[in-house]
Amino acid sequence: MKKVSIHNLGCKVNSYEAESMEQLLVDAGYEMVAFDSDSIADIYIINTCSVTNIADRKSRQMLHKAKKQNPNAIVVAAGCYVNADVQKAAQDNAVDIVLGNNKKINIVEALEEYFKNHENNVNVVDMSKPQDYENLHIEKTTQHTRAYIKIQDGCNQFCSYCIIPYTRGRIRSRSIDDIYKEVCKVVESGVKEIVLTGIHLSSYGVENNTGTLLDVIVRLSDIEGLKRIRLSSLEPRIITDEFVSVISKISKVCPHFHLSLQSGCDTILKHMNRKYTTDEYYEKCCILRKYYCNPAITTDVIVGFPNETDENFATTKAFLKKVNFYEMHIFKFSRRKGTIADKMTGQIDEKVKTVRSNELITLGSKMSNDYRQCFVGKEKKVLIEEFVCIDNKQYAVGYTDNYIKIHILNTSENILKVNDIIKVVLGPYDEKNGIMEAKI
């Protein structure tokens, strides 16, 4: 029995695909071991990411770390880093098998083929662009309480800074019946919360009339035992009165919405090839707040995009304050070979990017703290995910439906278990340590 270790980098879609590959390998008789465990693996699979140059570098580092852990092991480079530059991946002396995004379902066959036919050469599995949805599946998850469910792949947006449409291909969607069956299985295994995810989730179904994201949510809401449906990143255009009025009546849908922004300046949004204005984006946030009482709205922001002036940045900062997000993920613009933005003039100095990034991180921290303080003394339900020890005290840790992380002191009176959903009263919030306690 060969031992396999999978190390995942990147997004929620990658996490789902890593778990799918793991289940395929277990079914085929392989033994799974942790990547950093004392148990040396015979096969290492690095599920790579290529969203930024830093992600590329991390992918290379992990490939070489795997080969260093066991020089005799087979190292598989899978995923977006591979699709971005297959020749570079194939020439890496740490890599034995190159496996594209659309061939992860063939991981077992790729290994068997390598064992049979390799002669110290790198095996490159078919890298052609996928035409149909790749039917990976999971039946359970290693996280026990929350499962990522991939329902869509690919992207047709071609934002000027993004390599992903080239590494993932055009949009493909999964059938609602197939999604429903998979969610039923993971719920049967004990999972109470699912996160619907995709490369461009909002475009689910548009290419083949399989239904809409709203249709998926409505269908899944009927599954007995499923307590929460969380949505991963959404494009602002999907937020309409029709969409939100329906989901707001489904108690299982979490009031937590990640709306991609990228810039709060219309000039920069146009250069990014984003398909909305700041006025349109703000209108979408108002729709969410019309149907939900203080929902968690989170976003991504890129600073230092080519030709972003101090005035452009100030406009973005003012807009972020206006929206008043719960959380923001701040990224410094990263040039990606093969994208339009890489060739743009007016590239911003890294020191300027760092200053702007730090400003927005500070702003984001304040808004996040203010949002949490709004819920002090309020009653919320928390899904327990783990137990931790802080200052010799044991706490149950979990998340509310609006994604506030909560610590509950575990006492002899509280018999708490992982995967319990319990009612608590929130507060106080320790801003210094970033801990929000709650009492049953």
Protein backbone atom coordinates (compact mmCIF):
# COMPACT_ATOMS: atom_id res chain seq x y z
CA MET A 1 0.00 0.00 0.00
CA LYS A 2 1.57 3.27 -1.16
CA LYS A 3 1.34 6.34 1.08
CA VAL A 4 0.07 9.58 -0.45
CA SER A 5 0.20 13.12 0.90
CA ILE A 6 -1.83 15.97 -0.62
CA HIS A 7 -0.95 19.60 0.06
CA ASN A 8 -3.52 22.16 -1.08
CA LEU A 9 -2.90 25.79 -2.00
CA GLY A 10 -5.39 28.46 -2.98
CA CYS A 11 -9.13 28.79 -3.13
CA LYS A 12 -12.17 26.89 -1.87
CA VAL A 13 -12.52 25.20 -5.27
CA ASN A 14 -9.01 23.80 -4.86
CA SER A 15 -9.93 22.58 -1.37
CA TYR A 16 -12.90 20.69 -2.77
CA GLU A 17 -10.82 19.17 -5.58
CA ALA A 18 -8.11 18.09 -3.13
CA GLU A 19 -10.70 16.26 -1.02
CA SER A 20 -12.13 14.68 -4.18
CA MET A 21 -8.70 13.40 -5.22
CA GLU A 22 -8.14 12.06 -1.71
CA GLN A 23 -11.36 10.03 -1.86
CA LEU A 24 -10.46 8.65 -5.29
CA LEU A 25 -7.08 7.54 -3.97
CA VAL A 26 -8.50 5.98 -0.80
CA ASP A 27 -11.05 4.06 -2.88
CA ALA A 28 -8.15 2.80 -5.02
CA GLY A 29 -6.31 1.45 -1.96
CA TYR A 30 -3.80 4.22 -1.23
CA GLU A 31 -3.07 5.29 2.35
CA MET A 32 -3.28 9.02 3.08
CA VAL A 33 -0.73 10.71 5.38
CA ALA A 34 -0.37 14.33 6.46
CA PHE A 35 2.04 16.48 4.46
CA ASP A 36 4.16 17.55 7.44
CA SER A 37 3.83 14.32 9.38
CA ASP A 38 6.64 12.02 10.48
CA SER A 39 5.34 9.47 8.01
CA ILE A 40 7.20 9.90 4.72
CA ALA A 41 4.96 9.56 1.67
CA ASP A 42 5.64 7.61 -1.51
CA ILE A 43 3.61 10.11 -3.52
CA TYR A 44 3.18 13.84 -2.98
CA ILE A 45 0.41 15.76 -4.73
CA ILE A 46 0.71 19.54 -4.64
CA ASN A 47 -2.59 21.12 -5.67
CA THR A 48 -1.16 24.42 -6.89
CA CYS A 49 -2.45 27.97 -7.20
CA SER A 50 -1.52 30.71 -9.68
CA VAL A 51 -3.72 33.65 -8.75
CA THR A 52 -0.67 35.83 -7.95
CA ASN A 53 3.10 35.70 -8.37
CA ILE A 54 3.32 34.88 -4.67
CA ALA A 55 1.00 31.90 -5.23
CA ASP A 56 3.27 30.73 -8.05
CA ARG A 57 6.30 30.97 -5.78
CA LYS A 58 4.58 29.06 -2.98
CA SER A 59 3.57 26.37 -5.44
CA ARG A 60 7.18 25.91 -6.57
CA GLN A 61 8.40 25.93 -2.97
CA MET A 62 5.97 23.19 -1.95
CA LEU A 63 6.90 21.03 -4.95
CA HIS A 64 10.55 21.23 -3.95
CA LYS A 65 9.76 20.71 -0.27
CA ALA A 66 7.92 17.50 -1.17
CA LYS A 67 10.87 16.16 -3.18
CA LYS A 68 13.24 17.11 -0.35
CA GLN A 69 11.12 15.20 2.19
CA ASN A 70 11.55 12.05 0.10
CA PRO A 71 13.85 12.26 -2.95
CA ASN A 72 12.53 8.89 -4.12
CA ALA A 73 8.88 9.95 -3.98
CA ILE A 74 6.69 10.66 -6.99
CA VAL A 75 5.76 14.36 -6.97
CA VAL A 76 2.60 15.40 -8.80
CA ALA A 77 2.10 19.05 -9.76
CA ALA A 78 -1.62 19.63 -10.23
CA GLY A 79 -3.80 22.67 -10.81
CA CYS A 80 -3.60 26.29 -11.88
CA TYR A 81 0.18 26.81 -11.66
CA VAL A 82 0.52 23.92 -14.09
CA ASN A 83 -2.08 25.26 -16.51
CA ALA A 84 -0.50 28.71 -16.47
CA ASP A 85 2.82 27.36 -17.77
CA VAL A 86 2.89 23.61 -18.42
CA GLN A 87 6.37 23.71 -19.96
CA LYS A 88 7.86 25.37 -16.90
CA ALA A 89 6.23 22.84 -14.61
CA ALA A 90 7.37 19.91 -16.74
CA GLN A 91 10.98 21.15 -16.70
CA ASP A 92 11.08 21.44 -12.91
CA ASN A 93 13.40 18.70 -11.61
CA ALA A 94 11.19 18.22 -8.55
CA VAL A 95 8.18 17.22 -10.67
CA ASP A 96 7.39 13.73 -11.97
CA ILE A 97 3.77 14.10 -13.12
CA VAL A 98 2.02 17.23 -14.44
CA LEU A 99 -1.76 17.09 -13.99
CA GLY A 100 -4.00 19.86 -15.32
CA ASN A 101 -7.15 21.18 -13.70
CA ASN A 102 -9.47 19.19 -15.92
CA LYS A 103 -7.64 15.91 -15.22
CA LYS A 104 -7.71 15.74 -11.43
CA ILE A 105 -10.46 13.16 -11.76
CA ASN A 106 -7.85 10.95 -13.45
CA ILE A 107 -5.31 11.06 -10.61
CA VAL A 108 -5.41 7.29 -10.01
CA GLU A 109 -4.99 6.47 -13.71
CA ALA A 110 -2.18 9.04 -14.01
CA LEU A 111 -0.25 7.35 -11.19
CA GLU A 112 -0.80 3.86 -12.59
CA GLU A 113 0.35 4.98 -16.03
CA TYR A 114 3.48 6.50 -14.53
CA PHE A 115 4.37 3.34 -12.63
CA LYS A 116 3.97 1.26 -15.80
CA ASN A 117 5.66 3.35 -18.44
CA HIS A 118 7.92 6.10 -17.09
CA GLU A 119 11.61 6.10 -17.95
CA ASN A 120 12.85 8.96 -15.80
CA ASN A 121 10.70 11.33 -17.85
CA VAL A 122 8.02 13.70 -16.66
CA ASN A 123 4.53 12.49 -17.50
CA VAL A 124 2.32 15.32 -18.75
CA VAL A 125 -1.34 14.33 -18.64
CA ASP A 126 -3.57 15.79 -21.40
CA MET A 127 -3.69 19.59 -20.91
CA SER A 128 -6.43 20.38 -23.44
CA LYS A 129 -9.09 22.89 -22.42
CA PRO A 130 -12.12 21.18 -20.83
CA GLN A 131 -15.45 21.35 -22.66
CA ASP A 132 -17.66 19.83 -19.97
CA TYR A 133 -17.87 19.94 -16.19
CA GLU A 134 -15.38 17.58 -14.53
CA ASN A 135 -17.48 15.32 -12.32
CA LEU A 136 -15.43 15.16 -9.16
CA HIS A 137 -17.37 14.16 -6.03
CA ILE A 138 -17.03 13.97 -2.28
CA GLU A 139 -19.06 11.91 0.18
CA LYS A 140 -17.59 13.31 3.38
CA THR A 141 -15.15 15.98 4.44
CA THR A 142 -12.17 16.06 6.76
CA GLN A 143 -13.54 19.25 8.35
CA HIS A 144 -16.59 17.38 9.76
CA THR A 145 -18.72 20.51 10.31
CA ARG A 146 -18.48 22.38 7.00
CA ALA A 147 -18.17 21.10 3.45
CA TYR A 148 -17.20 23.02 0.33
CA ILE A 149 -19.42 21.99 -2.57
CA LYS A 150 -18.12 22.90 -6.01
CA ILE A 151 -20.96 23.54 -8.46
CA GLN A 152 -19.26 25.50 -11.23
CA ASP A 153 -15.86 25.87 -12.91
CA GLY A 154 -14.22 28.32 -15.30
CA CYS A 155 -14.69 32.05 -15.94
CA ASN A 156 -15.63 34.17 -18.97
CA GLN A 157 -14.97 37.58 -17.38
CA PHE A 158 -11.32 38.16 -18.39
CA CYS A 159 -10.56 40.88 -15.87
CA SER A 160 -7.38 42.58 -17.05
CA TYR A 161 -5.32 41.45 -14.02
CA CYS A 162 -6.47 37.83 -13.82
CA ILE A 163 -4.90 34.64 -15.18
CA ILE A 164 -7.66 32.32 -14.00
CA PRO A 165 -9.78 32.25 -17.21
CA TYR A 166 -6.64 30.92 -18.94
CA THR A 167 -5.90 28.29 -16.28
CA ARG A 168 -9.51 27.18 -15.69
CA GLY A 169 -11.11 27.65 -19.09
CA ARG A 170 -14.63 28.77 -19.95
CA ILE A 171 -17.56 28.38 -17.55
CA ARG A 172 -19.05 24.92 -17.01
CA SER A 173 -21.83 24.07 -14.58
CA ARG A 174 -22.87 20.94 -12.75
CA SER A 175 -26.41 19.59 -12.86
CA ILE A 176 -28.67 20.45 -9.93
CA ASP A 177 -29.56 16.76 -9.49
CA ASP A 178 -25.86 15.88 -9.12
CA ILE A 179 -25.31 18.71 -6.61
CA TYR A 180 -28.37 17.60 -4.62
CA LYS A 181 -27.18 13.98 -4.42
CA GLU A 182 -23.71 15.00 -3.23
CA VAL A 183 -25.04 17.35 -0.56
CA CYS A 184 -27.38 14.62 0.69
CA LYS A 185 -24.36 12.32 1.11
CA VAL A 186 -22.21 14.82 2.99
CA VAL A 187 -25.14 15.70 5.26
CA GLU A 188 -25.65 11.99 5.96
CA SER A 189 -21.98 11.88 7.06
CA GLY A 190 -22.75 14.52 9.69
CA VAL A 191 -21.99 17.83 7.97
CA LYS A 192 -24.39 20.62 8.95
CA GLU A 193 -23.05 23.49 6.86
CA ILE A 194 -22.16 23.64 3.18
CA VAL A 195 -20.41 26.40 1.24
CA LEU A 196 -21.44 26.60 -2.41
CA THR A 197 -18.36 27.48 -4.40
CA GLY A 198 -17.07 27.88 -7.94
CA ILE A 199 -14.52 29.84 -9.91
CA HIS A 200 -17.27 32.31 -10.90
CA LEU A 201 -20.21 31.17 -8.81
CA SER A 202 -22.61 33.85 -10.01
CA SER A 203 -22.45 32.52 -13.58
CA TYR A 204 -23.73 29.08 -12.57
CA GLY A 205 -25.95 27.64 -15.31
CA VAL A 206 -25.74 30.48 -17.84
CA GLU A 207 -23.95 28.39 -20.47
CA ASN A 208 -26.35 25.45 -20.64
CA ASN A 209 -29.62 26.47 -18.99
CA THR A 210 -29.19 23.93 -16.20
CA GLY A 211 -30.85 26.40 -13.84
CA THR A 212 -29.62 29.34 -11.80
CA LEU A 213 -27.76 29.70 -8.53
CA LEU A 214 -31.10 30.62 -6.99
CA ASP A 215 -32.57 27.33 -8.24
CA VAL A 216 -29.69 25.43 -6.60
CA ILE A 217 -30.20 27.18 -3.25
CA VAL A 218 -33.97 26.56 -3.23
CA ARG A 219 -33.51 22.87 -4.09
CA LEU A 220 -30.85 22.28 -1.42
CA SER A 221 -32.84 24.08 1.27
CA ASP A 222 -35.23 21.11 1.41
CA ILE A 223 -32.53 18.67 2.56
CA GLU A 224 -33.31 17.44 6.06
CA GLY A 225 -30.35 17.72 8.41
CA LEU A 226 -28.71 20.55 6.45
CA LYS A 227 -28.69 23.56 8.76
CA ARG A 228 -26.68 26.18 6.89
CA ILE A 229 -26.07 27.17 3.27
CA ARG A 230 -23.22 29.63 2.86
CA LEU A 231 -22.26 31.28 -0.44
CA SER A 232 -18.69 31.93 -1.49
CA SER A 233 -17.62 34.91 -3.60
CA LEU A 234 -20.37 36.54 -5.67
CA GLU A 235 -20.35 39.11 -8.44
CA PRO A 236 -22.42 42.20 -7.55
CA ARG A 237 -24.74 41.80 -10.54
CA ILE A 238 -26.38 38.70 -9.11
CA ILE A 239 -27.71 40.73 -6.17
CA THR A 240 -31.21 41.78 -7.23
CA ASP A 241 -34.47 42.32 -5.36
CA GLU A 242 -35.76 39.07 -6.85
CA PHE A 243 -32.70 37.05 -5.76
CA VAL A 244 -32.42 38.45 -2.24
CA SER A 245 -36.16 38.48 -1.52
CA VAL A 246 -36.22 34.71 -2.12
CA ILE A 247 -33.07 33.71 -0.21
CA SER A 248 -33.92 35.98 2.73
CA LYS A 249 -36.98 33.80 3.33
CA ILE A 250 -34.81 30.65 3.49
CA SER A 251 -33.58 30.46 7.08
CA LYS A 252 -30.73 28.11 6.12
CA VAL A 253 -29.01 30.74 3.95
CA CYS A 254 -26.36 32.53 6.01
CA PRO A 255 -26.51 36.36 6.05
CA HIS A 256 -22.88 36.53 4.97
CA PHE A 257 -22.14 37.81 1.46
CA HIS A 258 -18.72 38.18 -0.12
CA LEU A 259 -19.12 40.65 -3.00
CA SER A 260 -16.00 41.13 -5.11
CA LEU A 261 -15.15 44.83 -5.43
CA GLN A 262 -11.41 45.14 -6.29
CA SER A 263 -11.49 48.95 -6.44
CA GLY A 264 -13.69 51.76 -5.15
CA CYS A 265 -12.73 54.03 -8.05
CA ASP A 266 -14.69 53.88 -11.31
CA THR A 267 -11.63 54.79 -13.40
CA ILE A 268 -9.67 51.84 -12.03
CA LEU A 269 -12.67 49.48 -12.29
CA LYS A 270 -12.88 50.30 -16.00
CA HIS A 271 -9.17 49.56 -16.49
CA MET A 272 -9.66 46.30 -14.60
CA ASN A 273 -12.48 45.35 -17.02
CA ARG A 274 -14.90 44.96 -14.12
CA LYS A 275 -18.52 45.10 -15.25
CA TYR A 276 -20.03 47.55 -12.74
CA THR A 277 -19.61 51.01 -11.29
CA THR A 278 -19.26 51.96 -7.64
CA ASP A 279 -22.83 53.33 -7.67
CA GLU A 280 -24.12 49.98 -8.92
CA TYR A 281 -22.07 48.13 -6.32
CA TYR A 282 -23.37 50.31 -3.50
CA GLU A 283 -26.94 49.72 -4.69
CA LYS A 284 -26.36 45.96 -4.31
CA CYS A 285 -25.18 46.42 -0.72
CA CYS A 286 -28.32 48.45 -0.02
CA ILE A 287 -30.48 45.63 -1.40
CA LEU A 288 -28.82 43.16 0.98
CA ARG A 289 -29.39 45.50 3.92
CA LYS A 290 -32.99 46.02 2.84
CA TYR A 291 -33.82 42.34 3.31
CA TYR A 292 -31.35 41.43 6.09
CA CYS A 293 -30.73 43.15 9.40
CA ASN A 294 -27.02 44.01 9.48
CA PRO A 295 -25.71 41.23 7.19
CA ALA A 296 -21.99 40.52 7.02
CA ILE A 297 -20.72 41.99 3.75
CA THR A 298 -17.11 41.19 2.91
CA THR A 299 -14.96 41.93 -0.11
CA ASP A 300 -11.59 41.88 -1.91
CA VAL A 301 -9.63 45.02 -2.79
CA ILE A 302 -6.54 45.36 -5.00
CA VAL A 303 -4.22 48.31 -4.32
CA GLY A 304 -1.54 49.62 -6.64
CA PHE A 305 -3.20 48.72 -9.93
CA PRO A 306 -1.35 50.33 -12.87
CA ASN A 307 -1.92 54.10 -13.04
CA GLU A 308 -3.72 54.22 -9.67
CA THR A 309 -3.05 57.78 -8.52
CA ASP A 310 -3.16 59.06 -4.96
CA GLU A 311 -6.54 60.58 -5.84
CA ASN A 312 -7.81 57.23 -7.16
CA PHE A 313 -6.68 55.53 -3.97
CA ALA A 314 -8.34 58.20 -1.80
CA THR A 315 -11.58 57.65 -3.75
CA THR A 316 -11.35 53.92 -3.07
CA LYS A 317 -10.73 54.46 0.64
CA ALA A 318 -13.71 56.81 0.92
CA PHE A 319 -15.94 54.29 -0.85
CA LEU A 320 -14.87 51.48 1.49
CA LYS A 321 -15.86 53.64 4.45
CA LYS A 322 -19.20 54.38 2.80
CA VAL A 323 -20.03 50.70 2.31
CA ASN A 324 -18.73 49.84 5.81
CA PHE A 325 -17.64 46.23 5.23
CA TYR A 326 -17.40 43.55 7.90
CA GLU A 327 -14.12 42.23 6.51
CA MET A 328 -11.83 43.10 3.61
CA HIS A 329 -9.10 41.03 2.00
CA ILE A 330 -6.46 43.47 0.78
CA PHE A 331 -4.09 42.47 -2.02
CA LYS A 332 -1.22 44.36 -3.59
CA PHE A 333 -1.46 44.22 -7.39
CA SER A 334 0.62 41.34 -8.71
CA ARG A 335 1.71 41.31 -12.34
CA ARG A 336 0.74 38.08 -14.09
CA LYS A 337 2.42 37.19 -17.36
CA GLY A 338 -0.21 36.68 -20.04
CA THR A 339 -2.66 39.28 -18.71
CA ILE A 340 -3.45 42.72 -20.12
CA ALA A 341 -2.51 44.46 -16.87
CA ASP A 342 1.00 43.01 -17.03
CA LYS A 343 1.65 45.03 -20.20
CA MET A 344 0.11 48.28 -18.94
CA THR A 345 2.27 51.36 -18.46
CA GLY A 346 2.18 53.18 -15.15
CA GLN A 347 3.15 50.26 -12.92
CA ILE A 348 3.14 51.31 -9.26
CA ASP A 349 6.23 51.11 -7.05
CA GLU A 350 6.10 48.30 -4.48
CA LYS A 351 6.75 50.71 -1.61
CA VAL A 352 3.67 52.73 -2.60
CA LYS A 353 1.61 49.52 -2.79
CA THR A 354 2.74 48.58 0.71
CA VAL A 355 1.77 51.96 2.17
CA ARG A 356 -1.67 51.82 0.56
CA SER A 357 -2.17 48.21 1.58
CA ASN A 358 -1.32 48.97 5.20
CA GLU A 359 -3.78 51.89 5.23
CA LEU A 360 -6.63 49.68 4.06
CA ILE A 361 -5.70 46.84 6.41
CA THR A 362 -5.93 49.32 9.31
CA LEU A 363 -9.29 50.59 8.03
CA GLY A 364 -10.55 47.04 7.57
CA SER A 365 -9.56 46.11 11.11
CA LYS A 366 -11.52 49.05 12.54
CA MET A 367 -14.65 48.25 10.51
CA SER A 368 -14.43 44.58 11.47
CA ASN A 369 -14.12 45.43 15.16
CA ASP A 370 -17.05 47.87 14.94
CA TYR A 371 -19.20 45.23 13.28
CA ARG A 372 -18.52 42.69 16.03
CA GLN A 373 -19.32 45.26 18.72
CA CYS A 374 -22.79 45.68 17.19
CA PHE A 375 -23.64 42.16 18.34
CA VAL A 376 -22.49 42.37 21.95
CA GLY A 377 -25.43 41.27 24.11
CA LYS A 378 -27.30 39.78 21.12
CA GLU A 379 -28.38 36.14 20.88
CA LYS A 380 -26.95 34.11 18.00
CA LYS A 381 -26.51 30.46 17.06
CA VAL A 382 -22.96 29.10 16.87
CA LEU A 383 -21.76 25.97 15.07
CA ILE A 384 -18.96 24.45 17.20
CA GLU A 385 -15.93 23.50 15.09
CA GLU A 386 -13.09 22.83 17.52
CA PHE A 387 -11.77 23.16 21.08
CA VAL A 388 -8.75 25.28 22.00
CA CYS A 389 -6.86 26.02 25.19
CA ILE A 390 -6.15 29.67 26.10
CA ASP A 391 -4.51 30.61 29.41
CA ASN A 392 -5.18 27.11 30.75
CA LYS A 393 -8.88 27.41 29.97
CA GLN A 394 -10.68 25.29 27.39
CA TYR A 395 -12.91 27.05 24.87
CA ALA A 396 -15.31 25.74 22.27
CA VAL A 397 -14.75 27.72 19.06
CA GLY A 398 -17.22 28.19 16.24
CA TYR A 399 -18.93 30.64 13.92
CA THR A 400 -22.26 32.42 13.85
CA ASP A 401 -24.31 32.42 10.65
CA ASN A 402 -22.87 35.86 9.83
CA TYR A 403 -19.35 34.47 10.28
CA ILE A 404 -18.30 35.96 13.59
CA LYS A 405 -15.80 33.70 15.31
CA ILE A 406 -16.93 32.92 18.87
CA HIS A 407 -15.16 31.45 21.93
CA ILE A 408 -17.33 29.73 24.56
CA LEU A 409 -15.76 28.79 27.88
CA ASN A 410 -16.15 25.04 28.31
CA THR A 411 -17.21 24.22 31.87
CA SER A 412 -18.59 21.17 33.65
CA GLU A 413 -22.06 22.67 33.18
CA ASN A 414 -21.56 23.00 29.43
CA ILE A 415 -21.41 19.65 27.69
CA LEU A 416 -20.38 20.80 24.23
CA LYS A 417 -19.36 18.75 21.23
CA VAL A 418 -17.91 19.53 17.81
CA ASN A 419 -20.75 19.97 15.30
CA ASP A 420 -23.24 21.18 17.92
CA ILE A 421 -25.29 24.25 17.04
CA ILE A 422 -26.09 26.17 20.21
CA LYS A 423 -27.69 29.47 21.18
CA VAL A 424 -25.38 31.93 22.93
CA VAL A 425 -25.31 35.56 24.00
CA LEU A 426 -22.37 37.37 22.40
CA GLY A 427 -19.81 39.49 24.15
CA PRO A 428 -17.61 40.95 25.30
CA TYR A 429 -15.22 41.45 22.38
CA ASP A 430 -11.51 41.56 23.21
CA GLU A 431 -10.23 43.81 20.42
CA LYS A 432 -6.58 43.43 21.42
CA ASN A 433 -6.60 39.62 21.11
CA GLY A 434 -9.36 39.42 18.50
CA ILE A 435 -11.48 37.12 20.67
CA MET A 436 -15.23 37.40 21.09
CA GLU A 437 -16.56 35.39 23.99
CA ALA A 438 -20.12 34.19 24.42
CA LYS A 439 -22.21 32.61 27.13
CA ILE A 440 -24.83 29.89 26.83
